[in-house]
Amino acid sequence: VGNSSALTCFLKGNITMLTWTITPKAGGLCTLVYRVDTNETHRTTCSDNINWIFRAGLPPALGIWQVGLAQEGNYSCEAATTEGNFHTRYHLTVLAPPRLSLSCDEQGSPVCEAAAGKPPAQLSWVPEGSSTAEEKCHNNGTVTVLSKFTACSTNVTNVTTCMVSHPAGNWSQSISC
C-alpha cells in the first residue's frame, strides 16, 4: 500500500498495439489501449492512479501510483507486434502493513494490537508467556489482530515486548505495565 509499481509486457518485435485489461477484486473492468500508428491512447473506467509509462527505447509499461487495496486483482497485457501476439499476466497482491499499538489493560496486562494488516500479522511475546489472540476482519480485506499477554510466572521482568511479523515488515514495541 502506498508504493508505486510498473508492469511490463513480454514481447518481441516492434509494437503495433498494446492493450492492458485490469480486473480488480472489487470494482469494474479497466482497459488501456495504445496504438503506435496513430500514437493514440484510450482508457475506460480506470482509476486516476493507473496510466501509461512511456520511456525512450523501452516498450510502454503500466504504472500504478500510490497502490491501494482497490488495485489488487488480475492484470493482463496483450501486445500485437511485427513478430506476432504476446500475452503477459500478473496477479497483483497488495500488502497492507499493520499499525502497531501496545497498552496495558485494567488488570495490568499488556495488550498488543496490529491493526488493519493484510494479510493478518503474527504476534508473539518476549518473554514467552501465555496469550490470547483475536482477529477482526474488515470490509476492505484487512485484519486487526489483538493479543493479550499473561505471564506464566511472577518472576517475569516488568518489561514485555510485543513482536509483530508481517510480509511488509517486522516491528516490536515494549511496555511495562
N, C-alpha and C. Protein backbone atom coordinates (compact mmCIF):
# COMPACT_ATOMS: atom_id res chain seq x y z
N VAL A 1 0.85 -1.18 0.00
CA VAL A 1 0.00 0.00 0.00
C VAL A 1 0.89 1.24 0.00
N GLY A 2 0.56 2.19 -0.88
CA GLY A 2 1.25 3.46 -0.91
C GLY A 2 2.46 3.52 -1.83
N ASN A 3 2.99 2.38 -2.24
CA ASN A 3 4.13 2.37 -3.15
C ASN A 3 3.65 2.51 -4.59
N SER A 4 4.60 2.63 -5.50
CA SER A 4 4.28 2.66 -6.92
C SER A 4 4.84 1.40 -7.57
N SER A 5 4.23 1.03 -8.68
CA SER A 5 4.65 -0.18 -9.36
C SER A 5 4.55 0.02 -10.86
N ALA A 6 5.42 -0.67 -11.61
CA ALA A 6 5.37 -0.62 -13.07
C ALA A 6 5.33 -2.06 -13.58
N LEU A 7 4.35 -2.35 -14.43
CA LEU A 7 4.21 -3.69 -15.02
C LEU A 7 4.57 -3.59 -16.49
N THR A 8 5.35 -4.55 -16.96
CA THR A 8 5.76 -4.55 -18.36
C THR A 8 5.25 -5.80 -19.06
N CYS A 9 5.15 -5.72 -20.37
CA CYS A 9 4.71 -6.84 -21.20
C CYS A 9 5.91 -7.54 -21.80
N PHE A 10 5.82 -8.86 -21.89
CA PHE A 10 6.82 -9.61 -22.63
C PHE A 10 6.44 -9.52 -24.11
N LEU A 11 7.40 -9.17 -24.96
CA LEU A 11 7.10 -9.10 -26.39
C LEU A 11 8.38 -9.17 -27.20
N LYS A 12 8.21 -9.50 -28.49
CA LYS A 12 9.31 -9.50 -29.46
C LYS A 12 8.85 -8.69 -30.65
N GLY A 13 9.80 -8.01 -31.27
CA GLY A 13 9.47 -7.22 -32.46
C GLY A 13 9.00 -5.83 -32.09
N ASN A 14 8.50 -5.13 -33.08
CA ASN A 14 8.00 -3.76 -32.90
C ASN A 14 6.51 -3.79 -32.57
N ILE A 15 6.13 -3.01 -31.59
CA ILE A 15 4.73 -2.95 -31.15
C ILE A 15 3.89 -2.24 -32.21
N THR A 16 2.70 -2.80 -32.47
CA THR A 16 1.71 -2.08 -33.27
C THR A 16 0.56 -1.63 -32.37
N MET A 17 0.21 -2.48 -31.40
CA MET A 17 -0.85 -2.12 -30.45
C MET A 17 -0.62 -2.86 -29.14
N LEU A 18 -0.94 -2.18 -28.05
CA LEU A 18 -0.77 -2.74 -26.71
C LEU A 18 -2.04 -2.50 -25.92
N THR A 19 -2.57 -3.56 -25.30
CA THR A 19 -3.80 -3.45 -24.52
C THR A 19 -3.60 -4.05 -23.13
N TRP A 20 -3.93 -3.27 -22.11
CA TRP A 20 -3.96 -3.77 -20.73
C TRP A 20 -5.42 -3.92 -20.33
N THR A 21 -5.75 -5.08 -19.77
CA THR A 21 -7.07 -5.33 -19.20
C THR A 21 -6.88 -5.63 -17.73
N ILE A 22 -7.54 -4.83 -16.90
CA ILE A 22 -7.38 -4.95 -15.45
C ILE A 22 -8.71 -5.38 -14.86
N THR A 23 -8.68 -6.47 -14.11
CA THR A 23 -9.86 -6.99 -13.43
C THR A 23 -9.59 -6.95 -11.93
N PRO A 24 -9.98 -5.84 -11.28
CA PRO A 24 -9.72 -5.74 -9.84
C PRO A 24 -10.65 -6.66 -9.04
N LYS A 25 -10.22 -7.01 -7.83
CA LYS A 25 -11.07 -7.83 -6.95
C LYS A 25 -12.39 -7.12 -6.67
N ALA A 26 -12.32 -5.81 -6.52
CA ALA A 26 -13.53 -5.01 -6.28
C ALA A 26 -13.61 -3.92 -7.33
N GLY A 27 -14.76 -3.70 -7.87
CA GLY A 27 -14.92 -2.66 -8.87
C GLY A 27 -14.97 -3.23 -10.27
N GLY A 28 -15.07 -2.34 -11.24
CA GLY A 28 -15.28 -2.77 -12.62
C GLY A 28 -14.00 -2.91 -13.41
N LEU A 29 -14.15 -3.49 -14.58
CA LEU A 29 -13.07 -3.73 -15.53
C LEU A 29 -12.48 -2.40 -16.01
N CYS A 30 -11.16 -2.39 -16.20
CA CYS A 30 -10.44 -1.21 -16.69
C CYS A 30 -9.62 -1.66 -17.89
N THR A 31 -9.63 -0.87 -18.96
CA THR A 31 -8.78 -1.18 -20.12
C THR A 31 -8.02 0.07 -20.54
N LEU A 32 -6.79 -0.16 -20.98
CA LEU A 32 -5.95 0.88 -21.57
C LEU A 32 -5.42 0.34 -22.89
N VAL A 33 -5.56 1.13 -23.94
CA VAL A 33 -5.13 0.71 -25.28
C VAL A 33 -4.18 1.78 -25.83
N TYR A 34 -3.10 1.31 -26.48
CA TYR A 34 -2.17 2.21 -27.14
C TYR A 34 -1.94 1.73 -28.57
N ARG A 35 -2.20 2.60 -29.55
CA ARG A 35 -1.93 2.31 -30.96
C ARG A 35 -0.72 3.12 -31.40
N VAL A 36 0.28 2.41 -31.90
CA VAL A 36 1.52 3.07 -32.29
C VAL A 36 1.33 3.90 -33.55
N ASP A 37 0.61 3.37 -34.57
CA ASP A 37 0.50 4.06 -35.85
C ASP A 37 -0.14 5.44 -35.74
N THR A 38 -1.06 5.61 -34.81
CA THR A 38 -1.72 6.91 -34.62
C THR A 38 -1.24 7.61 -33.35
N ASN A 39 -0.37 6.94 -32.58
CA ASN A 39 0.12 7.46 -31.30
C ASN A 39 -1.03 7.87 -30.39
N GLU A 40 -2.08 7.04 -30.37
CA GLU A 40 -3.27 7.33 -29.55
C GLU A 40 -3.37 6.36 -28.38
N THR A 41 -3.85 6.90 -27.28
CA THR A 41 -4.18 6.06 -26.12
C THR A 41 -5.66 6.20 -25.84
N HIS A 42 -6.23 5.14 -25.30
CA HIS A 42 -7.65 5.13 -24.94
C HIS A 42 -7.76 4.40 -23.61
N ARG A 43 -8.64 4.86 -22.75
CA ARG A 43 -8.85 4.21 -21.44
C ARG A 43 -10.32 4.20 -21.09
N THR A 44 -10.73 3.14 -20.40
CA THR A 44 -12.12 3.06 -19.93
C THR A 44 -12.13 2.68 -18.46
N THR A 45 -12.87 3.41 -17.68
CA THR A 45 -13.14 3.18 -16.25
C THR A 45 -11.92 2.79 -15.43
N CYS A 46 -10.80 3.43 -15.66
CA CYS A 46 -9.59 3.18 -14.87
C CYS A 46 -9.45 4.29 -13.84
N SER A 47 -8.96 3.93 -12.66
CA SER A 47 -8.73 4.96 -11.64
C SER A 47 -7.60 5.87 -12.09
N ASP A 48 -7.54 7.06 -11.51
CA ASP A 48 -6.57 8.07 -11.92
C ASP A 48 -5.12 7.66 -11.62
N ASN A 49 -4.92 6.72 -10.70
CA ASN A 49 -3.55 6.36 -10.35
C ASN A 49 -2.99 5.23 -11.21
N ILE A 50 -3.71 4.85 -12.27
CA ILE A 50 -3.23 3.85 -13.22
C ILE A 50 -3.13 4.52 -14.59
N ASN A 51 -1.91 4.43 -15.19
CA ASN A 51 -1.73 5.06 -16.50
C ASN A 51 -0.49 4.50 -17.18
N TRP A 52 -0.28 4.92 -18.40
CA TRP A 52 0.88 4.51 -19.18
C TRP A 52 2.15 5.15 -18.66
N ILE A 53 3.27 4.43 -18.84
CA ILE A 53 4.60 4.99 -18.63
C ILE A 53 5.32 4.82 -19.97
N PHE A 54 5.67 5.94 -20.58
CA PHE A 54 6.42 5.92 -21.84
C PHE A 54 7.86 6.32 -21.55
N ARG A 55 8.81 5.43 -21.94
CA ARG A 55 10.23 5.69 -21.71
C ARG A 55 10.98 5.45 -23.02
N ALA A 56 11.90 6.33 -23.34
CA ALA A 56 12.66 6.22 -24.59
C ALA A 56 13.40 4.88 -24.66
N GLY A 57 13.24 4.18 -25.78
CA GLY A 57 13.95 2.93 -26.00
C GLY A 57 13.35 1.71 -25.34
N LEU A 58 12.28 1.88 -24.58
CA LEU A 58 11.64 0.75 -23.89
C LEU A 58 10.17 0.68 -24.29
N PRO A 59 9.60 -0.53 -24.26
CA PRO A 59 8.16 -0.61 -24.55
C PRO A 59 7.35 0.10 -23.47
N PRO A 60 6.17 0.59 -23.81
CA PRO A 60 5.33 1.24 -22.79
C PRO A 60 5.02 0.26 -21.64
N ALA A 61 4.95 0.80 -20.45
CA ALA A 61 4.63 -0.01 -19.27
C ALA A 61 3.35 0.54 -18.64
N LEU A 62 2.80 -0.24 -17.74
CA LEU A 62 1.62 0.20 -16.99
C LEU A 62 2.10 0.67 -15.63
N GLY A 63 1.80 1.91 -15.29
CA GLY A 63 2.21 2.47 -14.00
C GLY A 63 1.03 2.52 -13.04
N ILE A 64 1.30 2.15 -11.80
CA ILE A 64 0.30 2.25 -10.73
C ILE A 64 0.95 3.07 -9.63
N TRP A 65 0.43 4.27 -9.38
CA TRP A 65 0.98 5.17 -8.37
C TRP A 65 0.13 5.09 -7.12
N GLN A 66 0.80 5.19 -5.98
CA GLN A 66 0.11 5.13 -4.68
C GLN A 66 -0.85 3.92 -4.65
N VAL A 67 -0.27 2.73 -4.80
CA VAL A 67 -1.05 1.50 -4.85
C VAL A 67 -1.93 1.39 -3.60
N GLY A 68 -3.19 1.04 -3.82
CA GLY A 68 -4.13 0.83 -2.72
C GLY A 68 -4.78 -0.53 -2.84
N LEU A 69 -5.55 -0.88 -1.84
CA LEU A 69 -6.22 -2.18 -1.85
C LEU A 69 -7.13 -2.35 -3.06
N ALA A 70 -7.66 -1.24 -3.58
CA ALA A 70 -8.56 -1.31 -4.74
C ALA A 70 -7.85 -1.76 -6.01
N GLN A 71 -6.52 -1.67 -6.06
CA GLN A 71 -5.78 -2.09 -7.25
C GLN A 71 -5.45 -3.59 -7.25
N GLU A 72 -5.77 -4.29 -6.19
CA GLU A 72 -5.49 -5.73 -6.15
C GLU A 72 -6.35 -6.44 -7.18
N GLY A 73 -5.75 -7.36 -7.92
CA GLY A 73 -6.50 -8.12 -8.91
C GLY A 73 -5.62 -8.64 -10.03
N ASN A 74 -6.23 -8.93 -11.18
CA ASN A 74 -5.54 -9.51 -12.32
C ASN A 74 -5.27 -8.45 -13.38
N TYR A 75 -4.05 -8.47 -13.90
CA TYR A 75 -3.59 -7.53 -14.91
C TYR A 75 -3.12 -8.35 -16.11
N SER A 76 -3.71 -8.09 -17.27
CA SER A 76 -3.38 -8.85 -18.46
C SER A 76 -2.97 -7.90 -19.58
N CYS A 77 -1.85 -8.20 -20.21
CA CYS A 77 -1.35 -7.38 -21.31
C CYS A 77 -1.39 -8.21 -22.59
N GLU A 78 -1.88 -7.60 -23.65
CA GLU A 78 -1.82 -8.22 -24.96
C GLU A 78 -1.08 -7.27 -25.88
N ALA A 79 0.02 -7.75 -26.43
CA ALA A 79 0.84 -6.94 -27.32
C ALA A 79 0.76 -7.52 -28.74
N ALA A 80 0.34 -6.69 -29.68
CA ALA A 80 0.39 -7.05 -31.09
C ALA A 80 1.67 -6.45 -31.65
N THR A 81 2.53 -7.28 -32.21
CA THR A 81 3.81 -6.82 -32.72
C THR A 81 4.04 -7.36 -34.13
N THR A 82 5.14 -6.93 -34.72
CA THR A 82 5.52 -7.42 -36.05
C THR A 82 5.90 -8.90 -36.01
N GLU A 83 6.13 -9.46 -34.83
CA GLU A 83 6.50 -10.87 -34.68
C GLU A 83 5.35 -11.74 -34.17
N GLY A 84 4.16 -11.17 -33.99
CA GLY A 84 3.01 -11.93 -33.51
C GLY A 84 2.37 -11.27 -32.30
N ASN A 85 1.47 -12.02 -31.66
CA ASN A 85 0.78 -11.53 -30.46
C ASN A 85 1.38 -12.18 -29.23
N PHE A 86 1.52 -11.37 -28.17
CA PHE A 86 2.12 -11.85 -26.93
C PHE A 86 1.22 -11.47 -25.76
N HIS A 87 1.10 -12.40 -24.82
CA HIS A 87 0.26 -12.19 -23.64
C HIS A 87 1.13 -12.27 -22.38
N THR A 88 0.91 -11.36 -21.47
CA THR A 88 1.56 -11.38 -20.16
C THR A 88 0.48 -11.18 -19.12
N ARG A 89 0.53 -11.99 -18.06
CA ARG A 89 -0.47 -11.87 -17.00
C ARG A 89 0.21 -11.70 -15.65
N TYR A 90 -0.39 -10.85 -14.84
CA TYR A 90 0.07 -10.63 -13.47
C TYR A 90 -1.13 -10.76 -12.54
N HIS A 91 -0.87 -11.24 -11.33
CA HIS A 91 -1.86 -11.12 -10.25
C HIS A 91 -1.21 -10.22 -9.21
N LEU A 92 -1.79 -9.04 -9.02
CA LEU A 92 -1.24 -8.08 -8.06
C LEU A 92 -1.88 -8.30 -6.69
N THR A 93 -1.04 -8.63 -5.73
CA THR A 93 -1.47 -8.77 -4.34
C THR A 93 -0.94 -7.57 -3.58
N VAL A 94 -1.80 -6.89 -2.89
CA VAL A 94 -1.41 -5.68 -2.15
C VAL A 94 -1.25 -6.04 -0.68
N LEU A 95 -0.08 -5.70 -0.13
CA LEU A 95 0.18 -5.90 1.29
C LEU A 95 -0.10 -4.60 2.03
N ALA A 96 -0.81 -4.69 3.13
CA ALA A 96 -1.07 -3.52 3.96
C ALA A 96 -0.39 -3.75 5.30
N PRO A 97 0.67 -2.98 5.61
CA PRO A 97 1.33 -3.16 6.90
C PRO A 97 0.40 -2.75 8.04
N PRO A 98 0.39 -3.52 9.11
CA PRO A 98 -0.50 -3.16 10.23
C PRO A 98 0.05 -1.98 11.02
N ARG A 99 -0.84 -1.30 11.72
CA ARG A 99 -0.45 -0.24 12.65
C ARG A 99 -0.34 -0.88 14.03
N LEU A 100 0.81 -0.74 14.65
CA LEU A 100 1.08 -1.39 15.92
C LEU A 100 0.78 -0.46 17.09
N SER A 101 0.07 -0.98 18.09
CA SER A 101 -0.11 -0.23 19.34
C SER A 101 -0.01 -1.22 20.50
N LEU A 102 0.52 -0.75 21.60
CA LEU A 102 0.72 -1.57 22.79
C LEU A 102 0.26 -0.76 23.99
N SER A 103 -0.55 -1.39 24.83
CA SER A 103 -1.08 -0.70 26.01
C SER A 103 -1.25 -1.69 27.15
N CYS A 104 -1.66 -1.18 28.30
CA CYS A 104 -1.94 -2.02 29.46
C CYS A 104 -3.43 -1.99 29.72
N ASP A 105 -4.02 -3.16 29.98
CA ASP A 105 -5.46 -3.20 30.29
C ASP A 105 -5.68 -2.90 31.77
N GLU A 106 -6.96 -2.92 32.18
CA GLU A 106 -7.27 -2.55 33.56
C GLU A 106 -6.71 -3.52 34.60
N GLN A 107 -6.36 -4.75 34.20
CA GLN A 107 -5.75 -5.72 35.13
C GLN A 107 -4.22 -5.63 35.12
N GLY A 108 -3.67 -4.72 34.33
CA GLY A 108 -2.21 -4.56 34.27
C GLY A 108 -1.53 -5.51 33.32
N SER A 109 -2.28 -6.09 32.39
CA SER A 109 -1.69 -7.00 31.40
C SER A 109 -1.44 -6.26 30.09
N PRO A 110 -0.31 -6.54 29.45
CA PRO A 110 -0.03 -5.92 28.16
C PRO A 110 -1.00 -6.41 27.08
N VAL A 111 -1.44 -5.48 26.23
CA VAL A 111 -2.33 -5.79 25.11
C VAL A 111 -1.70 -5.20 23.85
N CYS A 112 -1.47 -6.06 22.87
CA CYS A 112 -0.84 -5.64 21.63
C CYS A 112 -1.87 -5.71 20.51
N GLU A 113 -1.91 -4.65 19.68
CA GLU A 113 -2.83 -4.62 18.56
C GLU A 113 -2.06 -4.32 17.28
N ALA A 114 -2.26 -5.18 16.27
CA ALA A 114 -1.72 -4.96 14.93
C ALA A 114 -2.95 -4.71 14.06
N ALA A 115 -3.23 -3.41 13.81
CA ALA A 115 -4.50 -3.02 13.19
C ALA A 115 -4.39 -2.94 11.67
N ALA A 116 -5.42 -3.43 11.01
CA ALA A 116 -5.66 -3.27 9.57
C ALA A 116 -4.50 -3.75 8.71
N GLY A 117 -4.00 -4.95 8.99
CA GLY A 117 -2.96 -5.55 8.18
C GLY A 117 -3.55 -6.47 7.12
N LYS A 118 -2.81 -6.65 6.05
CA LYS A 118 -3.22 -7.61 5.03
C LYS A 118 -1.96 -8.23 4.47
N PRO A 119 -1.76 -9.51 4.67
CA PRO A 119 -2.56 -10.46 5.44
C PRO A 119 -2.46 -10.17 6.95
N PRO A 120 -3.17 -10.96 7.77
CA PRO A 120 -3.10 -10.72 9.22
C PRO A 120 -1.67 -10.87 9.74
N ALA A 121 -1.30 -10.03 10.69
CA ALA A 121 0.02 -10.10 11.30
C ALA A 121 0.09 -11.28 12.27
N GLN A 122 1.30 -11.74 12.50
CA GLN A 122 1.56 -12.77 13.51
C GLN A 122 2.16 -12.05 14.72
N LEU A 123 1.59 -12.28 15.90
CA LEU A 123 2.07 -11.63 17.12
C LEU A 123 2.71 -12.65 18.05
N SER A 124 3.80 -12.26 18.69
CA SER A 124 4.43 -13.10 19.71
C SER A 124 4.95 -12.18 20.81
N TRP A 125 5.33 -12.79 21.92
CA TRP A 125 5.72 -12.00 23.10
C TRP A 125 7.10 -12.40 23.60
N VAL A 126 7.84 -11.42 24.15
CA VAL A 126 9.10 -11.65 24.85
C VAL A 126 8.99 -10.94 26.18
N PRO A 127 9.15 -11.63 27.34
CA PRO A 127 9.43 -13.06 27.43
C PRO A 127 8.20 -13.88 27.02
N GLU A 128 8.42 -15.17 26.77
CA GLU A 128 7.29 -16.01 26.40
C GLU A 128 6.34 -16.16 27.58
N GLY A 129 5.10 -16.28 27.27
CA GLY A 129 4.05 -16.47 28.27
C GLY A 129 2.81 -16.92 27.55
N SER A 130 1.74 -17.03 28.26
CA SER A 130 0.51 -17.41 27.57
C SER A 130 -0.15 -16.14 27.03
N SER A 131 -0.83 -16.30 25.94
CA SER A 131 -1.52 -15.15 25.35
C SER A 131 -2.77 -15.62 24.65
N THR A 132 -3.70 -14.70 24.53
CA THR A 132 -4.91 -14.98 23.77
C THR A 132 -4.95 -14.00 22.61
N ALA A 133 -5.32 -14.49 21.45
CA ALA A 133 -5.35 -13.63 20.27
C ALA A 133 -6.74 -13.67 19.65
N GLU A 134 -7.18 -12.51 19.18
CA GLU A 134 -8.46 -12.40 18.47
C GLU A 134 -8.20 -11.69 17.15
N GLU A 135 -8.96 -12.10 16.13
CA GLU A 135 -8.87 -11.43 14.83
C GLU A 135 -10.21 -10.80 14.49
N LYS A 136 -10.14 -9.59 13.96
CA LYS A 136 -11.34 -8.90 13.50
C LYS A 136 -11.14 -8.56 12.02
N CYS A 137 -12.01 -9.11 11.17
CA CYS A 137 -11.92 -8.87 9.73
C CYS A 137 -12.68 -7.60 9.37
N HIS A 138 -12.09 -6.81 8.46
CA HIS A 138 -12.71 -5.57 8.00
C HIS A 138 -13.20 -5.73 6.56
N ASN A 139 -14.14 -4.91 6.17
CA ASN A 139 -14.75 -5.00 4.83
C ASN A 139 -13.75 -4.82 3.69
N ASN A 140 -12.66 -4.12 3.94
CA ASN A 140 -11.68 -3.86 2.88
C ASN A 140 -10.64 -4.98 2.73
N GLY A 141 -10.80 -6.07 3.45
CA GLY A 141 -9.89 -7.21 3.34
C GLY A 141 -8.75 -7.20 4.34
N THR A 142 -8.66 -6.16 5.16
CA THR A 142 -7.62 -6.12 6.18
C THR A 142 -8.13 -6.80 7.46
N VAL A 143 -7.17 -7.11 8.33
CA VAL A 143 -7.50 -7.82 9.57
C VAL A 143 -6.76 -7.15 10.73
N THR A 144 -7.45 -6.96 11.84
CA THR A 144 -6.83 -6.48 13.07
C THR A 144 -6.65 -7.66 14.01
N VAL A 145 -5.43 -7.81 14.51
CA VAL A 145 -5.12 -8.89 15.46
C VAL A 145 -4.85 -8.25 16.82
N LEU A 146 -5.52 -8.76 17.84
CA LEU A 146 -5.39 -8.26 19.21
C LEU A 146 -4.90 -9.41 20.08
N SER A 147 -3.81 -9.21 20.79
CA SER A 147 -3.25 -10.26 21.64
C SER A 147 -3.05 -9.71 23.05
N LYS A 148 -3.47 -10.50 24.04
CA LYS A 148 -3.31 -10.13 25.45
C LYS A 148 -2.32 -11.10 26.07
N PHE A 149 -1.30 -10.53 26.75
CA PHE A 149 -0.23 -11.33 27.35
C PHE A 149 -0.53 -11.62 28.81
N THR A 150 -0.28 -12.87 29.22
CA THR A 150 -0.38 -13.26 30.63
C THR A 150 0.90 -13.99 30.99
N ALA A 151 1.61 -13.49 31.99
CA ALA A 151 2.86 -14.12 32.41
C ALA A 151 2.56 -15.44 33.10
N CYS A 152 3.41 -16.44 32.82
CA CYS A 152 3.25 -17.76 33.44
C CYS A 152 3.85 -17.78 34.84
N SER A 153 4.72 -16.84 35.14
CA SER A 153 5.42 -16.83 36.42
C SER A 153 5.45 -15.42 36.98
N THR A 154 5.50 -15.30 38.28
CA THR A 154 5.58 -13.98 38.90
C THR A 154 7.00 -13.44 38.87
N ASN A 155 7.99 -14.28 38.45
CA ASN A 155 9.39 -13.87 38.38
C ASN A 155 9.73 -13.18 37.05
N VAL A 156 8.72 -12.92 36.24
CA VAL A 156 8.95 -12.33 34.92
C VAL A 156 9.27 -10.85 35.08
N THR A 157 10.18 -10.37 34.22
CA THR A 157 10.55 -8.96 34.22
C THR A 157 9.32 -8.08 33.98
N ASN A 158 9.40 -6.82 34.39
CA ASN A 158 8.28 -5.91 34.22
C ASN A 158 8.10 -5.46 32.76
N VAL A 159 9.17 -5.55 31.97
CA VAL A 159 9.11 -5.10 30.58
C VAL A 159 8.70 -6.26 29.69
N THR A 160 7.67 -6.03 28.90
CA THR A 160 7.18 -7.04 27.97
C THR A 160 7.24 -6.45 26.57
N THR A 161 7.64 -7.27 25.61
CA THR A 161 7.79 -6.82 24.23
C THR A 161 6.84 -7.60 23.33
N CYS A 162 6.11 -6.86 22.52
CA CYS A 162 5.25 -7.47 21.50
C CYS A 162 6.02 -7.46 20.18
N MET A 163 6.14 -8.64 19.57
CA MET A 163 6.83 -8.79 18.29
C MET A 163 5.78 -9.01 17.22
N VAL A 164 5.84 -8.23 16.15
CA VAL A 164 4.89 -8.32 15.04
C VAL A 164 5.63 -8.77 13.79
N SER A 165 5.19 -9.88 13.20
CA SER A 165 5.77 -10.38 11.95
C SER A 165 4.73 -10.23 10.86
N HIS A 166 5.18 -9.68 9.73
CA HIS A 166 4.26 -9.44 8.61
C HIS A 166 5.09 -9.42 7.32
N PRO A 167 4.53 -9.86 6.18
CA PRO A 167 5.30 -9.80 4.93
C PRO A 167 5.77 -8.39 4.56
N ALA A 168 5.11 -7.35 5.06
CA ALA A 168 5.51 -5.98 4.75
C ALA A 168 6.59 -5.47 5.72
N GLY A 169 6.94 -6.26 6.74
CA GLY A 169 7.97 -5.85 7.69
C GLY A 169 7.76 -6.46 9.06
N ASN A 170 8.74 -6.27 9.92
CA ASN A 170 8.68 -6.76 11.30
C ASN A 170 8.89 -5.58 12.24
N TRP A 171 8.11 -5.56 13.33
CA TRP A 171 8.19 -4.48 14.29
C TRP A 171 8.12 -5.04 15.70
N SER A 172 8.59 -4.26 16.65
CA SER A 172 8.43 -4.64 18.06
C SER A 172 8.23 -3.37 18.87
N GLN A 173 7.55 -3.55 19.99
CA GLN A 173 7.32 -2.44 20.90
C GLN A 173 7.32 -3.03 22.31
N SER A 174 7.86 -2.28 23.26
CA SER A 174 7.94 -2.76 24.65
C SER A 174 7.14 -1.87 25.57
N ILE A 175 6.69 -2.49 26.68
CA ILE A 175 5.90 -1.76 27.67
C ILE A 175 6.12 -2.37 29.04
N SER A 176 5.93 -1.57 30.07
CA SER A 176 5.96 -2.04 31.45
C SER A 176 4.62 -1.69 32.06
N CYS A 177 3.87 -2.71 32.44
CA CYS A 177 2.52 -2.47 32.99
C CYS A 177 2.54 -2.55 34.50
